[in-house]
N, C-alpha and C. Protein backbone atom coordinates (compact mmCIF):
# COMPACT_ATOMS: atom_id res chain seq x y z
N MET A 1 43.10 127.94 21.67
CA MET A 1 44.46 127.91 21.18
C MET A 1 45.00 126.50 21.32
N GLY A 2 45.48 125.89 20.25
CA GLY A 2 45.95 124.51 20.25
C GLY A 2 47.39 124.37 20.71
N ASN A 3 47.83 123.13 20.74
CA ASN A 3 49.20 122.81 21.12
C ASN A 3 50.11 123.07 19.92
N THR A 4 50.87 124.12 19.95
CA THR A 4 51.75 124.48 18.84
C THR A 4 53.07 123.72 18.90
N GLN A 5 53.29 122.97 19.97
CA GLN A 5 54.55 122.27 20.15
C GLN A 5 54.59 120.94 19.41
N GLY A 6 53.43 120.37 19.07
CA GLY A 6 53.40 119.11 18.36
C GLY A 6 53.60 117.89 19.25
N ILE A 7 53.80 118.10 20.53
CA ILE A 7 54.01 117.02 21.48
C ILE A 7 53.09 117.27 22.66
N GLN A 8 52.48 116.19 23.17
CA GLN A 8 51.66 116.33 24.37
C GLN A 8 51.85 115.10 25.24
N PHE A 9 52.45 115.29 26.40
CA PHE A 9 52.64 114.21 27.35
C PHE A 9 51.49 114.23 28.34
N ASN A 10 50.93 113.06 28.62
CA ASN A 10 49.85 112.96 29.59
C ASN A 10 50.35 112.57 30.97
N THR A 11 51.54 111.98 31.03
CA THR A 11 52.09 111.53 32.31
C THR A 11 53.58 111.83 32.37
N ILE A 12 54.11 111.79 33.57
CA ILE A 12 55.55 111.95 33.76
C ILE A 12 56.29 110.82 33.05
N GLU A 13 55.72 109.62 33.08
CA GLU A 13 56.35 108.46 32.44
C GLU A 13 56.48 108.68 30.92
N GLU A 14 55.45 109.23 30.29
CA GLU A 14 55.53 109.55 28.85
C GLU A 14 56.64 110.56 28.59
N PHE A 15 56.71 111.56 29.44
CA PHE A 15 57.77 112.57 29.34
C PHE A 15 59.14 111.91 29.44
N LEU A 16 59.33 111.06 30.43
CA LEU A 16 60.63 110.39 30.64
C LEU A 16 60.99 109.49 29.46
N ASP A 17 60.00 108.79 28.91
CA ASP A 17 60.24 107.90 27.77
C ASP A 17 60.69 108.66 26.53
N TYR A 18 60.31 109.92 26.41
CA TYR A 18 60.64 110.75 25.26
C TYR A 18 62.11 111.20 25.27
N LEU A 19 62.72 111.25 26.44
CA LEU A 19 64.05 111.83 26.60
C LEU A 19 65.16 110.89 26.11
N THR A 20 66.30 111.49 25.78
CA THR A 20 67.48 110.69 25.49
C THR A 20 67.94 110.03 26.79
N GLU A 21 68.75 109.03 26.68
CA GLU A 21 69.24 108.32 27.88
C GLU A 21 70.01 109.26 28.82
N ASP A 22 70.87 110.11 28.24
CA ASP A 22 71.65 111.05 29.06
C ASP A 22 70.74 112.04 29.78
N GLU A 23 69.76 112.59 29.07
CA GLU A 23 68.84 113.54 29.69
C GLU A 23 68.01 112.85 30.77
N ARG A 24 67.54 111.65 30.50
CA ARG A 24 66.72 110.93 31.47
C ARG A 24 67.49 110.71 32.77
N GLU A 25 68.77 110.38 32.66
CA GLU A 25 69.59 110.17 33.86
C GLU A 25 69.67 111.45 34.70
N ILE A 26 69.88 112.57 34.05
CA ILE A 26 69.96 113.86 34.76
C ILE A 26 68.60 114.22 35.35
N VAL A 27 67.54 114.07 34.55
CA VAL A 27 66.19 114.40 35.02
C VAL A 27 65.84 113.57 36.25
N LEU A 28 66.08 112.27 36.19
CA LEU A 28 65.74 111.40 37.33
C LEU A 28 66.54 111.78 38.58
N PHE A 29 67.79 112.17 38.40
CA PHE A 29 68.61 112.59 39.53
C PHE A 29 68.08 113.89 40.14
N LEU A 30 67.78 114.87 39.28
CA LEU A 30 67.24 116.15 39.76
C LEU A 30 65.89 115.95 40.44
N ARG A 31 65.06 115.11 39.82
CA ARG A 31 63.73 114.82 40.37
C ARG A 31 63.85 114.20 41.77
N LYS A 32 64.79 113.27 41.93
CA LYS A 32 65.00 112.63 43.23
C LYS A 32 65.38 113.67 44.29
N ILE A 33 66.26 114.58 43.94
CA ILE A 33 66.68 115.63 44.88
C ILE A 33 65.49 116.52 45.25
N ILE A 34 64.73 116.94 44.25
CA ILE A 34 63.57 117.81 44.50
C ILE A 34 62.58 117.11 45.43
N LEU A 35 62.25 115.85 45.14
CA LEU A 35 61.26 115.13 45.95
C LEU A 35 61.77 114.85 47.37
N GLU A 36 63.08 114.72 47.53
CA GLU A 36 63.65 114.57 48.88
C GLU A 36 63.57 115.90 49.64
N CYS A 37 63.82 117.00 48.95
CA CYS A 37 63.84 118.31 49.61
C CYS A 37 62.43 118.87 49.84
N ILE A 38 61.49 118.50 48.99
CA ILE A 38 60.12 118.99 49.11
C ILE A 38 59.18 117.78 49.08
N PRO A 39 59.18 116.97 50.13
CA PRO A 39 58.41 115.72 50.09
C PRO A 39 56.91 115.91 49.93
N ASN A 40 56.39 117.05 50.30
CA ASN A 40 54.94 117.29 50.21
C ASN A 40 54.56 118.10 48.96
N CYS A 41 55.44 118.14 47.97
CA CYS A 41 55.14 118.92 46.78
C CYS A 41 54.25 118.13 45.83
N LYS A 42 53.64 118.86 44.91
CA LYS A 42 52.86 118.26 43.83
C LYS A 42 53.71 118.34 42.57
N GLU A 43 53.76 117.25 41.84
CA GLU A 43 54.49 117.21 40.57
C GLU A 43 53.45 117.16 39.46
N LYS A 44 53.49 118.17 38.57
CA LYS A 44 52.53 118.23 37.47
C LYS A 44 53.25 118.66 36.20
N LEU A 45 52.75 118.16 35.08
CA LEU A 45 53.29 118.59 33.80
C LEU A 45 52.67 119.94 33.42
N ALA A 46 53.51 120.86 33.03
CA ALA A 46 53.09 122.15 32.48
C ALA A 46 54.08 122.46 31.36
N TYR A 47 53.59 122.93 30.25
CA TYR A 47 54.46 123.16 29.08
C TYR A 47 55.20 121.88 28.69
N ASN A 48 54.61 120.72 29.03
CA ASN A 48 55.18 119.40 28.74
C ASN A 48 56.45 119.08 29.51
N VAL A 49 56.69 119.74 30.63
CA VAL A 49 57.80 119.40 31.51
C VAL A 49 57.29 119.37 32.96
N PRO A 50 58.00 118.67 33.85
CA PRO A 50 57.52 118.60 35.24
C PRO A 50 57.80 119.89 36.01
N PHE A 51 56.74 120.37 36.65
CA PHE A 51 56.82 121.49 37.57
C PHE A 51 56.49 120.97 38.96
N TYR A 52 57.05 121.63 39.97
CA TYR A 52 56.87 121.20 41.36
C TYR A 52 56.25 122.36 42.14
N TYR A 53 55.15 122.06 42.85
CA TYR A 53 54.33 123.07 43.51
C TYR A 53 54.18 122.74 45.00
N ARG A 54 54.00 123.77 45.78
CA ARG A 54 53.43 123.68 47.12
C ARG A 54 52.25 124.63 47.11
N HIS A 55 52.50 125.89 47.47
CA HIS A 55 51.44 126.91 47.40
C HIS A 55 51.37 127.50 45.99
N SER A 56 52.51 127.54 45.33
CA SER A 56 52.61 128.04 43.97
C SER A 56 53.73 127.25 43.28
N ARG A 57 54.02 127.60 42.05
CA ARG A 57 55.12 126.92 41.35
C ARG A 57 56.43 127.24 42.05
N ILE A 58 57.21 126.20 42.32
CA ILE A 58 58.50 126.40 42.96
C ILE A 58 59.62 126.23 41.94
N CYS A 59 59.62 125.09 41.24
CA CYS A 59 60.70 124.83 40.30
C CYS A 59 60.22 123.89 39.20
N TYR A 60 61.09 123.70 38.20
CA TYR A 60 60.79 122.83 37.08
C TYR A 60 62.07 122.20 36.57
N ILE A 61 61.92 121.13 35.79
CA ILE A 61 63.04 120.48 35.13
C ILE A 61 62.78 120.55 33.63
N TRP A 62 63.74 121.10 32.88
CA TRP A 62 63.54 121.30 31.44
C TRP A 62 64.73 120.75 30.65
N PRO A 63 64.55 119.60 29.98
CA PRO A 63 65.62 119.05 29.14
C PRO A 63 65.69 119.71 27.77
N ALA A 64 66.85 119.63 27.14
CA ALA A 64 67.05 120.24 25.83
C ALA A 64 66.16 119.62 24.76
N SER A 65 65.74 118.35 24.92
CA SER A 65 64.90 117.75 23.88
C SER A 65 63.49 118.32 23.85
N ILE A 66 63.14 119.17 24.80
CA ILE A 66 61.88 119.90 24.75
C ILE A 66 62.26 121.30 24.28
N PRO A 67 62.24 121.53 22.96
CA PRO A 67 62.90 122.69 22.35
C PRO A 67 62.37 124.06 22.71
N TRP A 68 61.12 124.19 23.05
CA TRP A 68 60.57 125.53 23.29
C TRP A 68 61.03 126.12 24.61
N GLY A 69 61.85 125.42 25.37
CA GLY A 69 62.36 125.92 26.64
C GLY A 69 63.67 126.67 26.54
N LYS A 70 64.23 126.72 25.34
CA LYS A 70 65.48 127.44 25.09
C LYS A 70 66.64 126.89 25.91
N VAL A 71 66.63 125.58 26.14
CA VAL A 71 67.77 124.89 26.74
C VAL A 71 68.49 124.22 25.58
N GLU A 72 69.72 124.64 25.33
CA GLU A 72 70.42 124.16 24.14
C GLU A 72 71.00 122.77 24.30
N GLN A 73 71.47 122.43 25.49
CA GLN A 73 71.99 121.09 25.74
C GLN A 73 71.85 120.76 27.21
N GLY A 74 71.77 119.46 27.51
CA GLY A 74 71.65 119.05 28.89
C GLY A 74 70.25 119.24 29.44
N VAL A 75 70.18 119.46 30.74
CA VAL A 75 68.91 119.61 31.44
C VAL A 75 69.01 120.80 32.38
N ALA A 76 68.01 121.66 32.34
CA ALA A 76 67.97 122.82 33.23
C ALA A 76 67.03 122.55 34.39
N ILE A 77 67.42 123.04 35.55
CA ILE A 77 66.47 123.13 36.66
C ILE A 77 66.24 124.62 36.83
N GLY A 78 64.98 124.98 36.86
CA GLY A 78 64.63 126.39 36.97
C GLY A 78 63.80 126.64 38.20
N PHE A 79 63.93 127.85 38.72
CA PHE A 79 63.19 128.26 39.91
C PHE A 79 62.25 129.39 39.52
N CYS A 80 60.98 129.18 39.80
CA CYS A 80 59.94 130.09 39.32
C CYS A 80 59.98 131.46 39.99
N LYS A 81 60.45 131.54 41.21
CA LYS A 81 60.60 132.83 41.89
C LYS A 81 62.10 133.14 42.01
N GLY A 82 62.84 132.69 41.02
CA GLY A 82 64.29 132.74 41.06
C GLY A 82 64.89 134.13 41.09
N THR A 83 64.13 135.12 40.71
CA THR A 83 64.67 136.47 40.76
C THR A 83 64.86 136.91 42.21
N SER A 84 64.30 136.15 43.14
CA SER A 84 64.52 136.44 44.56
C SER A 84 65.85 135.91 45.06
N PHE A 85 66.49 135.04 44.27
CA PHE A 85 67.80 134.51 44.66
C PHE A 85 68.85 135.59 44.48
N LEU A 86 69.81 135.61 45.33
CA LEU A 86 70.90 136.57 45.21
C LEU A 86 72.13 135.93 44.59
N ASP A 87 72.07 134.65 44.30
CA ASP A 87 73.22 133.90 43.79
C ASP A 87 73.38 134.13 42.29
N GLU A 88 74.59 134.42 41.85
CA GLU A 88 74.84 134.72 40.44
C GLU A 88 75.06 133.46 39.60
N THR A 89 75.00 132.29 40.22
CA THR A 89 75.19 131.03 39.49
C THR A 89 74.08 130.80 38.50
N PHE A 90 72.92 131.34 38.78
CA PHE A 90 71.74 131.09 37.96
C PHE A 90 71.58 132.15 36.89
N GLU A 91 71.20 131.69 35.70
CA GLU A 91 70.85 132.59 34.60
C GLU A 91 69.45 133.12 34.93
N THR A 92 69.31 134.42 35.08
CA THR A 92 68.05 134.99 35.53
C THR A 92 67.36 135.76 34.42
N THR A 93 66.07 135.48 34.27
CA THR A 93 65.22 136.25 33.37
C THR A 93 64.21 136.97 34.25
N LYS A 94 63.23 137.58 33.64
CA LYS A 94 62.27 138.39 34.41
C LYS A 94 61.57 137.59 35.50
N PHE A 95 61.19 136.33 35.22
CA PHE A 95 60.39 135.58 36.17
C PHE A 95 61.07 134.35 36.76
N THR A 96 62.11 133.84 36.12
CA THR A 96 62.72 132.60 36.59
C THR A 96 64.23 132.68 36.60
N SER A 97 64.83 131.73 37.28
CA SER A 97 66.27 131.53 37.25
C SER A 97 66.51 130.07 36.95
N LYS A 98 67.56 129.78 36.22
CA LYS A 98 67.84 128.39 35.91
C LYS A 98 69.33 128.15 35.81
N VAL A 99 69.70 126.89 36.01
CA VAL A 99 71.07 126.44 35.80
C VAL A 99 70.96 125.14 35.02
N THR A 100 71.88 124.94 34.08
CA THR A 100 71.83 123.79 33.19
C THR A 100 72.99 122.84 33.50
N PHE A 101 72.67 121.54 33.47
CA PHE A 101 73.67 120.51 33.72
C PHE A 101 73.76 119.60 32.50
N THR A 102 74.99 119.20 32.16
CA THR A 102 75.19 118.28 31.04
C THR A 102 75.53 116.87 31.52
N SER A 103 75.66 116.69 32.83
CA SER A 103 75.90 115.36 33.40
C SER A 103 75.51 115.37 34.87
N VAL A 104 75.27 114.20 35.41
CA VAL A 104 74.97 114.08 36.84
C VAL A 104 76.18 114.50 37.65
N ALA A 105 77.37 114.18 37.17
CA ALA A 105 78.60 114.51 37.89
C ALA A 105 78.79 116.02 38.06
N ALA A 106 78.20 116.81 37.17
CA ALA A 106 78.34 118.26 37.22
C ALA A 106 77.44 118.91 38.27
N ILE A 107 76.56 118.14 38.88
CA ILE A 107 75.59 118.70 39.83
C ILE A 107 76.21 118.78 41.22
N ASP A 108 76.25 119.98 41.76
CA ASP A 108 76.68 120.21 43.14
C ASP A 108 75.44 120.01 44.01
N VAL A 109 75.29 118.81 44.55
CA VAL A 109 74.07 118.43 45.26
C VAL A 109 73.81 119.31 46.47
N ALA A 110 74.83 119.59 47.26
CA ALA A 110 74.65 120.41 48.46
C ALA A 110 74.15 121.81 48.08
N PHE A 111 74.77 122.39 47.06
CA PHE A 111 74.36 123.72 46.61
C PHE A 111 72.93 123.69 46.07
N LEU A 112 72.61 122.67 45.28
CA LEU A 112 71.27 122.57 44.71
C LEU A 112 70.22 122.41 45.80
N ARG A 113 70.49 121.59 46.79
CA ARG A 113 69.57 121.43 47.92
C ARG A 113 69.33 122.78 48.61
N GLN A 114 70.40 123.52 48.81
CA GLN A 114 70.29 124.83 49.45
C GLN A 114 69.37 125.74 48.64
N GLN A 115 69.49 125.72 47.31
CA GLN A 115 68.66 126.56 46.46
C GLN A 115 67.19 126.11 46.50
N ILE A 116 66.98 124.80 46.55
CA ILE A 116 65.61 124.28 46.64
C ILE A 116 64.98 124.71 47.96
N TYR A 117 65.72 124.58 49.05
CA TYR A 117 65.19 124.99 50.36
C TYR A 117 64.88 126.50 50.37
N GLU A 118 65.74 127.28 49.74
CA GLU A 118 65.49 128.72 49.65
C GLU A 118 64.23 129.00 48.84
N ALA A 119 64.03 128.26 47.75
CA ALA A 119 62.83 128.43 46.94
C ALA A 119 61.57 128.07 47.73
N VAL A 120 61.65 127.05 48.58
CA VAL A 120 60.52 126.67 49.42
C VAL A 120 60.22 127.78 50.43
N LEU A 121 61.25 128.37 50.99
CA LEU A 121 61.05 129.50 51.92
C LEU A 121 60.38 130.68 51.23
N ILE A 122 60.79 130.97 50.01
CA ILE A 122 60.18 132.05 49.25
C ILE A 122 58.70 131.74 49.01
N ASP A 123 58.40 130.50 48.65
CA ASP A 123 57.02 130.07 48.44
C ASP A 123 56.21 130.26 49.72
N GLU A 124 56.79 129.90 50.85
CA GLU A 124 56.12 130.04 52.16
C GLU A 124 55.89 131.51 52.49
N GLN A 125 56.87 132.36 52.22
CA GLN A 125 56.74 133.80 52.49
C GLN A 125 55.63 134.41 51.65
N ILE A 126 55.52 133.97 50.41
CA ILE A 126 54.48 134.51 49.52
C ILE A 126 53.10 134.17 50.06
N VAL A 127 52.89 132.92 50.47
CA VAL A 127 51.57 132.53 50.97
C VAL A 127 51.26 133.23 52.30
N LYS A 128 52.25 133.42 53.15
CA LYS A 128 52.03 134.14 54.41
C LYS A 128 51.64 135.59 54.14
N ALA A 129 52.31 136.22 53.18
CA ALA A 129 52.00 137.61 52.84
C ALA A 129 50.57 137.72 52.29
N LYS A 130 50.15 136.76 51.49
CA LYS A 130 48.79 136.78 50.95
C LYS A 130 47.77 136.61 52.06
N ARG A 131 48.08 135.74 53.02
CA ARG A 131 47.15 135.52 54.14
C ARG A 131 47.01 136.77 54.99
N ARG A 132 48.12 137.50 55.19
CA ARG A 132 48.06 138.74 55.98
C ARG A 132 47.19 139.78 55.28
N LYS A 133 47.26 139.85 53.96
CA LYS A 133 46.45 140.81 53.20
C LYS A 133 44.98 140.51 53.33
N ILE A 134 44.64 139.23 53.40
CA ILE A 134 43.25 138.81 53.48
C ILE A 134 42.67 139.16 54.84
N GLN A 135 43.45 139.06 55.90
CA GLN A 135 42.95 139.27 57.26
C GLN A 135 42.72 140.70 57.58
């Protein structure tokens, strides 16, 4: 099955170069927060956007210029196990939760950090549960 999106980024830098200036500013800000909160995470492109992993996928950053993500404007940060969040701030689908920002000023950094830390705890709980099943 080929790339139906018509775009293929090989590096984070290629991805960043593709974005509008406004989106790039938001993406870089969100990325900085994620890397500060999860310093030992792996950053990899999946679906042509950056995903952040420890034991499994934790979160991703999805700008509107990557159209197949259904982000109409701005930049979304999504949490892969977001249905475990109890907070109604996030738009929740079956597998993920996301919130979209149209400017850096709109980002509540303290709240976002709290959500990232919660996502890391969920990731840790999942790996511990898997280890218990194996033993």
